[in-house]
Amino acid sequence: MKPMPKLIAGVILALGVASNTVAKTQVTKTSGGTLPNGAAVDIYTLKDENLEVQVATYGGEVLSIKVPDRNGKVADIVLGFDTVSGYYDNSNSKGAAFFGPIVGRYANRIANARFTLDGKEYTLAKNNGNNSLHGGPSGFHNRMWTGKTIPDGVELTYLSKDGEEGYPGNLSVSVRYTVKNNELKIEYEATTDKDTVLNLTNHSYFNLSGQGDATILQEQLQLHASRFTPVDSTLIPTGELQPVTGTPFDFLKPHAVGERINADDEQIHLGHGYDHNFVIDGGGKALTKTAEVYDPASGRMLEVLTTEPGVQFYTSNFLDGSIKGKQGIAYPRNAALCLETQHFPDSPNHPKFPTTELKPGEKFHSVTVFRFSTR
């Protein structure tokens, strides 16, 4: 096995150069080394004037996102590891944390690891108690993708074969990461040759003060979501769409993440904090503003826009300091927050939820934008 190099941006190929005073996105490709299974990993670095993002062909991982604070000091604001081998080891561990990958075929949970489609029951891999989580242990987060440089970014493609992790249909997937004007845009497309279900997202852990800098309890969050999907003891939706008014889930106006995270509330207890799907007001059609996160300490701000109908707000409740990430830093509980744009968890078993079915001849298309600024 070859040694795994640090995640740095070496210039092998580049797209875009400065023109007059307008900075264009530069895209560079470097080697990420070789995985224990012999697969060679490529790392793409996408950089504009104030935003740098690194993406790996293993798992489609977002390895780093570097942005300045209000004083111009640049920091990496997503949790992860110093080498690609760190991501590989974590993805293949019992307590996989999903630091930054593409997750699928089905993001989030499917109850009892099974669903029925066209009258046929499909059985999935169980990797979250009795449930299937994020496509199973060998889901998209643990697969090699093929990378190709495109204007302002990289396109990753993968063919998920019929029966992979229990899902029907040969599914052709493309995910395009692009950086432009201080925005990271993620665009997903997929087609299938057999009726199937599909739910894709990115699972980055954000800490706007900088990865490894205490917790995100002081960060202020606003969610444009008047309802959420309450869960049972295994974090599977009950099927209800509950109003957030009068609950710790009301982020219609900005609140510090830690303000009510320990509230005496049944849903907070079940999630060990926040680990719930929110129903985006007006979501599921055009690109819609979903969330804003503001860090008073650094002045960094993150806005999230998506075409998806839901977003999973997760406050890394299951981190406990046992995972050591970048620079050897131990990641404690609430070290970061995730905003996973998505269809609702367990939708294949809830006919009243927005459908996640994809049929031959149809094209799945979804867009999420992470917009960065300071104030």
Protein backbone atom coordinates (compact mmCIF):
# COMPACT_ATOMS: atom_id res chain seq x y z
CA MET A 1 0.00 0.00 0.00
CA LYS A 2 1.34 3.41 -0.96
CA PRO A 3 1.51 6.11 1.75
CA MET A 4 -1.48 8.46 1.83
CA PRO A 5 -0.42 12.07 1.21
CA LYS A 6 -1.80 15.06 3.06
CA LEU A 7 -4.77 16.75 1.41
CA ILE A 8 -2.99 19.60 -0.32
CA ALA A 9 -3.60 21.30 -3.59
CA GLY A 10 -0.85 20.44 -6.08
CA VAL A 11 -1.25 21.72 -9.59
CA ILE A 12 -1.53 19.00 -12.18
CA LEU A 13 -4.20 20.51 -14.34
CA ALA A 14 -6.10 23.77 -14.08
CA LEU A 15 -9.13 25.44 -15.56
CA GLY A 16 -9.60 29.16 -15.40
CA VAL A 17 -7.10 31.95 -14.95
CA ALA A 18 -7.43 35.49 -13.73
CA SER A 19 -8.81 37.81 -16.37
CA ASN A 20 -8.34 41.51 -15.70
CA THR A 21 -9.69 41.99 -12.14
CA VAL A 22 -12.25 39.18 -12.26
CA ALA A 23 -11.08 36.06 -10.42
CA LYS A 24 -12.23 32.83 -12.04
CA THR A 25 -12.42 29.44 -10.44
CA GLN A 26 -9.27 27.34 -10.64
CA VAL A 27 -9.62 23.57 -10.68
CA THR A 28 -6.60 21.41 -9.88
CA LYS A 29 -6.24 17.65 -9.64
CA THR A 30 -3.77 15.75 -7.44
CA SER A 31 -3.24 12.19 -6.30
CA GLY A 32 -4.83 11.12 -3.04
CA GLY A 33 -2.87 7.90 -2.87
CA THR A 34 -4.06 4.31 -2.99
CA LEU A 35 -6.68 2.68 -0.76
CA PRO A 36 -6.15 -0.74 0.88
CA ASN A 37 -8.32 -2.26 -1.87
CA GLY A 38 -5.86 -0.96 -4.49
CA ALA A 39 -8.07 1.88 -5.77
CA ALA A 40 -6.25 5.08 -6.73
CA VAL A 41 -7.92 8.22 -5.39
CA ASP A 42 -7.91 11.63 -7.06
CA ILE A 43 -8.42 14.92 -5.21
CA TYR A 44 -9.88 17.96 -6.96
CA THR A 45 -9.35 21.44 -5.51
CA LEU A 46 -11.84 24.12 -6.57
CA LYS A 47 -10.81 27.66 -5.71
CA ASP A 48 -12.16 31.12 -6.34
CA GLU A 49 -11.18 34.38 -4.68
CA ASN A 50 -12.56 33.58 -1.21
CA LEU A 51 -13.60 29.92 -1.26
CA GLU A 52 -11.58 26.72 -1.60
CA VAL A 53 -13.17 23.26 -1.66
CA GLN A 54 -11.49 19.87 -1.94
CA VAL A 55 -13.36 16.81 -3.24
CA ALA A 56 -12.16 13.19 -3.47
CA THR A 57 -13.21 10.49 -5.92
CA TYR A 58 -13.52 8.12 -2.96
CA GLY A 59 -17.08 8.55 -1.71
CA GLY A 60 -17.39 11.92 -3.41
CA GLU A 61 -16.07 13.27 -0.11
CA VAL A 62 -15.94 17.00 0.54
CA LEU A 63 -12.55 16.95 2.26
CA SER A 64 -12.30 20.62 3.18
CA ILE A 65 -14.03 23.96 2.77
CA LYS A 66 -11.81 26.96 3.47
CA VAL A 67 -13.27 30.45 3.85
CA PRO A 68 -12.15 33.68 5.57
CA ASP A 69 -13.67 35.14 8.73
CA ARG A 70 -14.66 38.79 9.11
CA ASN A 71 -10.98 39.70 9.56
CA GLY A 72 -9.81 37.74 6.54
CA LYS A 73 -8.40 34.78 8.50
CA VAL A 74 -8.98 31.57 6.55
CA ALA A 75 -10.06 28.34 8.27
CA ASP A 76 -11.32 24.92 7.23
CA ILE A 77 -14.94 24.72 8.42
CA VAL A 78 -15.78 21.03 7.87
CA LEU A 79 -14.82 18.04 9.99
CA GLY A 80 -12.81 15.21 8.49
CA PHE A 81 -9.36 13.66 8.32
CA ASP A 82 -5.88 14.61 7.11
CA THR A 83 -5.65 11.72 4.65
CA VAL A 84 -8.07 9.83 2.44
CA SER A 85 -7.21 6.68 4.38
CA GLY A 86 -8.82 8.30 7.41
CA TYR A 87 -12.12 8.56 5.55
CA TYR A 88 -11.78 4.99 4.31
CA ASP A 89 -11.10 3.63 7.79
CA ASN A 90 -14.02 5.57 9.25
CA SER A 91 -16.43 4.50 6.50
CA ASN A 92 -15.54 0.88 7.13
CA SER A 93 -15.86 1.11 10.92
CA LYS A 94 -18.90 0.19 12.98
CA GLY A 95 -19.43 3.81 14.01
CA ALA A 96 -19.06 5.44 10.59
CA ALA A 97 -19.70 9.17 10.96
CA PHE A 98 -20.13 10.05 7.24
CA PHE A 99 -17.77 13.05 7.18
CA GLY A 100 -18.63 14.84 3.93
CA PRO A 101 -19.54 12.14 1.37
CA ILE A 102 -22.30 11.67 -1.15
CA VAL A 103 -24.79 9.36 0.54
CA GLY A 104 -27.19 7.06 -1.29
CA ARG A 105 -28.88 5.25 -2.78
CA TYR A 106 -31.10 6.37 0.04
CA ALA A 107 -29.93 9.14 2.38
CA ASN A 108 -31.16 8.85 5.96
CA ARG A 109 -33.09 5.89 7.39
CA ILE A 110 -35.39 3.20 6.01
CA ALA A 111 -37.36 1.36 8.69
CA ASN A 112 -36.59 -2.30 9.25
CA ALA A 113 -34.28 -2.14 6.22
CA ARG A 114 -37.08 -2.98 3.81
CA PHE A 115 -39.65 -1.40 1.50
CA THR A 116 -42.20 -2.49 -1.07
CA LEU A 117 -42.18 -1.23 -4.65
CA ASP A 118 -44.53 -2.41 -7.43
CA GLY A 119 -45.81 -5.09 -5.08
CA LYS A 120 -42.36 -6.56 -4.43
CA GLU A 121 -40.55 -6.34 -1.10
CA TYR A 122 -36.88 -5.38 -1.13
CA THR A 123 -34.55 -6.16 1.77
CA LEU A 124 -31.64 -3.83 2.49
CA ALA A 125 -28.50 -4.01 4.60
CA LYS A 126 -29.00 -3.17 8.28
CA ASN A 127 -26.41 -0.77 9.65
CA ASN A 128 -28.37 1.31 12.18
CA GLY A 129 -29.95 -1.09 14.62
CA ASN A 130 -32.78 -2.74 12.70
CA ASN A 131 -32.81 0.03 10.10
CA SER A 132 -30.83 0.87 6.98
CA LEU A 133 -28.92 4.17 7.15
CA HIS A 134 -27.48 6.20 4.26
CA GLY A 135 -27.63 3.38 1.72
CA GLY A 136 -26.02 0.73 3.92
CA PRO A 137 -22.40 0.03 4.91
CA SER A 138 -21.32 -0.11 1.25
CA GLY A 139 -23.45 2.80 0.09
CA PHE A 140 -22.27 5.61 -2.18
CA HIS A 141 -20.07 7.01 0.63
CA ASN A 142 -17.91 3.88 0.40
CA ARG A 143 -17.58 3.62 -3.40
CA MET A 144 -15.08 4.87 -5.94
CA TRP A 145 -16.41 7.54 -8.30
CA THR A 146 -14.94 8.59 -11.64
CA GLY A 147 -13.88 12.24 -11.73
CA LYS A 148 -13.73 14.66 -14.67
CA THR A 149 -12.78 18.32 -14.63
CA ILE A 150 -15.56 20.65 -15.81
CA PRO A 151 -15.79 24.46 -15.88
CA ASP A 152 -15.61 25.73 -12.27
CA GLY A 153 -15.51 22.25 -10.79
CA VAL A 154 -15.59 18.48 -11.05
CA GLU A 155 -18.15 15.96 -12.22
CA LEU A 156 -18.25 12.59 -10.44
CA THR A 157 -20.04 9.60 -11.98
CA TYR A 158 -20.94 6.17 -10.66
CA LEU A 159 -22.94 3.17 -11.89
CA SER A 160 -24.79 1.46 -9.05
CA LYS A 161 -25.63 -2.00 -10.34
CA ASP A 162 -28.99 -3.72 -10.00
CA GLY A 163 -29.20 -5.31 -6.55
CA GLU A 164 -26.40 -3.29 -4.97
CA GLU A 165 -27.13 -3.05 -1.24
CA GLY A 166 -30.54 -4.54 -2.05
CA TYR A 167 -31.82 -1.73 -4.33
CA PRO A 168 -33.38 -2.52 -7.73
CA GLY A 169 -32.20 -1.17 -11.08
CA ASN A 170 -28.94 -0.17 -12.71
CA LEU A 171 -28.65 3.44 -11.56
CA SER A 172 -26.38 5.89 -13.41
CA VAL A 173 -25.50 8.83 -11.15
CA SER A 174 -23.62 12.07 -11.75
CA VAL A 175 -22.77 14.67 -9.13
CA ARG A 176 -21.27 18.02 -10.12
CA TYR A 177 -19.44 20.14 -7.54
CA THR A 178 -18.79 23.70 -8.73
CA VAL A 179 -17.40 26.77 -6.98
CA LYS A 180 -18.24 30.27 -8.14
CA ASN A 181 -18.91 33.63 -6.47
CA ASN A 182 -18.40 32.24 -2.95
CA GLU A 183 -20.88 29.42 -3.54
CA LEU A 184 -20.47 25.67 -3.55
CA LYS A 185 -23.11 24.21 -5.85
CA ILE A 186 -23.90 20.49 -5.82
CA GLU A 187 -26.00 19.20 -8.71
CA TYR A 188 -27.24 15.62 -8.78
CA GLU A 189 -28.64 13.67 -11.75
CA ALA A 190 -29.59 10.01 -12.11
CA THR A 191 -31.38 7.59 -14.42
CA THR A 192 -32.44 3.98 -13.93
CA ASP A 193 -33.42 0.98 -16.07
CA LYS A 194 -35.84 -0.38 -13.46
CA ASP A 195 -38.26 1.18 -10.97
CA THR A 196 -36.29 2.14 -7.88
CA VAL A 197 -36.12 4.62 -4.99
CA LEU A 198 -33.53 7.34 -4.65
CA ASN A 199 -32.56 9.99 -2.11
CA LEU A 200 -29.17 11.71 -2.44
CA THR A 201 -27.44 14.28 -0.26
CA ASN A 202 -24.07 15.52 0.93
CA HIS A 203 -23.20 14.87 4.57
CA SER A 204 -20.73 17.61 5.49
CA TYR A 205 -20.25 18.55 9.15
CA PHE A 206 -19.96 22.34 9.51
CA ASN A 207 -18.33 24.35 12.27
CA LEU A 208 -18.15 27.96 11.13
CA SER A 209 -15.57 28.84 13.78
CA GLY A 210 -13.27 26.28 12.17
CA GLN A 211 -13.16 22.49 12.42
CA GLY A 212 -11.98 21.39 15.85
CA ASP A 213 -12.90 24.71 17.47
CA ALA A 214 -15.09 23.79 20.46
CA THR A 215 -18.76 23.23 19.56
CA ILE A 216 -21.46 24.79 17.39
CA LEU A 217 -23.80 25.53 20.33
CA GLN A 218 -23.24 29.30 20.00
CA GLU A 219 -23.94 29.38 16.26
CA GLN A 220 -27.26 30.94 15.31
CA LEU A 221 -29.58 28.98 13.04
CA GLN A 222 -32.64 29.97 11.06
CA LEU A 223 -34.69 27.32 9.25
CA HIS A 224 -37.45 28.22 6.81
CA ALA A 225 -39.52 25.30 7.98
CA SER A 226 -42.87 25.54 9.76
CA ARG A 227 -43.13 21.77 10.24
CA PHE A 228 -40.90 18.80 11.00
CA THR A 229 -41.30 15.03 10.94
CA PRO A 230 -41.33 13.66 14.52
CA VAL A 231 -39.64 10.30 15.06
CA ASP A 232 -39.97 7.14 17.13
CA SER A 233 -37.32 5.64 19.40
CA THR A 234 -35.30 4.41 16.39
CA LEU A 235 -35.40 7.84 14.69
CA ILE A 236 -37.88 6.67 12.04
CA PRO A 237 -40.59 9.24 11.17
CA THR A 238 -44.01 8.52 12.63
CA GLY A 239 -45.66 9.88 9.48
CA GLU A 240 -46.86 13.10 11.08
CA LEU A 241 -45.98 16.61 9.93
CA GLN A 242 -45.86 18.48 13.22
CA PRO A 243 -45.88 22.30 13.49
CA VAL A 244 -42.71 23.68 15.07
CA THR A 245 -44.57 26.50 16.87
CA GLY A 246 -44.19 26.26 20.63
CA THR A 247 -41.47 23.59 20.42
CA PRO A 248 -37.64 23.60 20.55
CA PHE A 249 -37.81 22.97 16.80
CA ASP A 250 -38.99 26.49 16.00
CA PHE A 251 -36.11 28.11 14.12
CA LEU A 252 -38.33 30.36 12.01
CA LYS A 253 -36.42 33.17 13.70
CA PRO A 254 -32.71 32.76 14.50
CA HIS A 255 -31.83 30.90 17.70
CA ALA A 256 -28.52 29.70 19.09
CA VAL A 257 -28.21 25.99 18.38
CA GLY A 258 -27.54 25.26 22.06
CA GLU A 259 -30.36 27.41 23.40
CA ARG A 260 -32.89 24.55 23.60
CA ILE A 261 -30.82 21.48 22.69
CA ASN A 262 -31.27 20.05 26.20
CA ALA A 263 -34.94 20.96 26.54
CA ASP A 264 -37.27 18.58 28.36
CA ASP A 265 -38.97 17.58 25.13
CA GLU A 266 -39.74 14.04 23.98
CA GLN A 267 -38.39 14.59 20.48
CA ILE A 268 -35.18 16.16 21.81
CA HIS A 269 -34.75 13.15 24.11
CA LEU A 270 -35.32 10.69 21.25
CA GLY A 271 -32.80 12.44 19.01
CA HIS A 272 -30.29 13.04 21.82
CA GLY A 273 -30.49 16.61 20.57
CA TYR A 274 -31.45 17.58 17.02
CA ASP A 275 -31.50 14.77 14.47
CA HIS A 276 -34.72 15.51 12.62
CA ASN A 277 -36.06 16.22 9.16
CA PHE A 278 -37.60 19.66 8.63
CA VAL A 279 -40.22 20.33 5.96
CA ILE A 280 -39.01 23.29 3.93
CA ASP A 281 -41.69 25.95 3.40
CA GLY A 282 -42.36 26.03 -0.34
CA GLY A 283 -39.67 23.44 -0.92
CA GLY A 284 -39.46 20.61 -3.40
CA LYS A 285 -39.74 22.61 -6.61
CA ALA A 286 -37.53 25.60 -7.44
CA LEU A 287 -34.30 26.46 -5.65
CA THR A 288 -35.51 27.65 -2.24
CA LYS A 289 -33.71 29.27 0.67
CA THR A 290 -33.67 26.69 3.43
CA ALA A 291 -31.33 27.76 6.22
CA GLU A 292 -28.91 30.39 7.47
CA VAL A 293 -26.19 29.74 10.01
CA TYR A 294 -24.24 32.61 11.60
CA ASP A 295 -21.21 32.31 13.87
CA PRO A 296 -20.91 35.43 16.07
CA ALA A 297 -17.30 34.62 16.97
CA SER A 298 -15.89 34.55 13.43
CA GLY A 299 -18.57 36.45 11.53
CA ARG A 300 -18.87 33.59 9.03
CA MET A 301 -22.28 32.95 7.57
CA LEU A 302 -23.63 29.97 5.64
CA GLU A 303 -26.83 30.05 3.59
CA VAL A 304 -28.33 26.84 2.22
CA LEU A 305 -30.62 26.72 -0.82
CA THR A 306 -32.09 23.57 -2.33
CA THR A 307 -34.71 22.09 -4.65
CA GLU A 308 -35.34 19.31 -2.11
CA PRO A 309 -38.48 19.27 0.10
CA GLY A 310 -36.64 18.58 3.38
CA VAL A 311 -33.46 19.12 5.33
CA GLN A 312 -32.07 16.96 8.14
CA PHE A 313 -30.71 19.13 10.93
CA TYR A 314 -28.21 17.07 12.93
CA THR A 315 -26.03 18.36 15.77
CA SER A 316 -23.44 15.52 15.79
CA ASN A 317 -25.01 14.04 18.91
CA PHE A 318 -23.21 10.72 18.47
CA LEU A 319 -19.69 12.13 18.39
CA ASP A 320 -18.06 11.53 21.76
CA GLY A 321 -14.38 12.43 21.38
CA SER A 322 -13.32 8.95 20.32
CA ILE A 323 -12.81 9.99 16.68
CA LYS A 324 -9.65 12.00 16.07
CA GLY A 325 -9.87 14.06 12.92
CA LYS A 326 -7.75 16.68 11.20
CA GLN A 327 -4.55 17.61 13.07
CA GLY A 328 -5.34 14.81 15.55
CA ILE A 329 -8.17 16.82 17.09
CA ALA A 330 -10.74 14.75 19.00
CA TYR A 331 -14.27 15.60 17.90
CA PRO A 332 -16.66 15.93 20.87
CA ARG A 333 -20.45 15.88 20.97
CA ASN A 334 -21.90 18.91 19.11
CA ALA A 335 -18.58 19.56 17.35
CA ALA A 336 -20.47 20.43 14.17
CA LEU A 337 -23.88 20.60 12.56
CA CYS A 338 -25.19 18.98 9.40
CA LEU A 339 -27.84 20.37 7.06
CA GLU A 340 -28.59 17.41 4.79
CA THR A 341 -30.93 18.52 2.00
CA GLN A 342 -33.12 15.57 1.11
CA HIS A 343 -36.45 13.87 0.65
CA PHE A 344 -37.94 12.68 3.91
CA PRO A 345 -36.54 9.66 5.79
CA ASP A 346 -38.35 6.35 5.21
CA SER A 347 -40.43 7.84 2.37
CA PRO A 348 -40.77 4.47 0.56
CA ASN A 349 -42.81 3.31 3.59
CA HIS A 350 -44.88 6.50 3.87
CA PRO A 351 -47.11 7.00 0.79
CA LYS A 352 -48.17 10.47 1.99
CA PHE A 353 -44.58 11.76 1.93
CA PRO A 354 -43.18 13.22 -1.33
CA THR A 355 -42.28 10.26 -3.51
CA THR A 356 -38.72 9.07 -3.95
CA GLU A 357 -39.57 6.67 -6.77
CA LEU A 358 -37.59 6.91 -10.00
CA LYS A 359 -38.74 5.10 -13.15
CA PRO A 360 -37.05 4.27 -16.47
CA GLY A 361 -37.27 7.22 -18.85
CA GLU A 362 -37.29 9.74 -15.99
CA LYS A 363 -34.31 11.82 -14.85
CA PHE A 364 -33.67 12.61 -11.22
CA HIS A 365 -32.36 16.16 -10.81
CA SER A 366 -31.59 17.99 -7.59
CA VAL A 367 -29.57 21.10 -6.70
CA THR A 368 -28.18 22.34 -3.39
CA VAL A 369 -26.15 25.53 -2.92
CA PHE A 370 -23.97 26.44 0.08
CA ARG A 371 -23.36 30.21 0.02
CA PHE A 372 -20.64 31.71 2.21
CA SER A 373 -20.21 35.29 3.46
CA THR A 374 -19.26 37.29 6.59
CA ARG A 375 -20.81 40.01 8.64
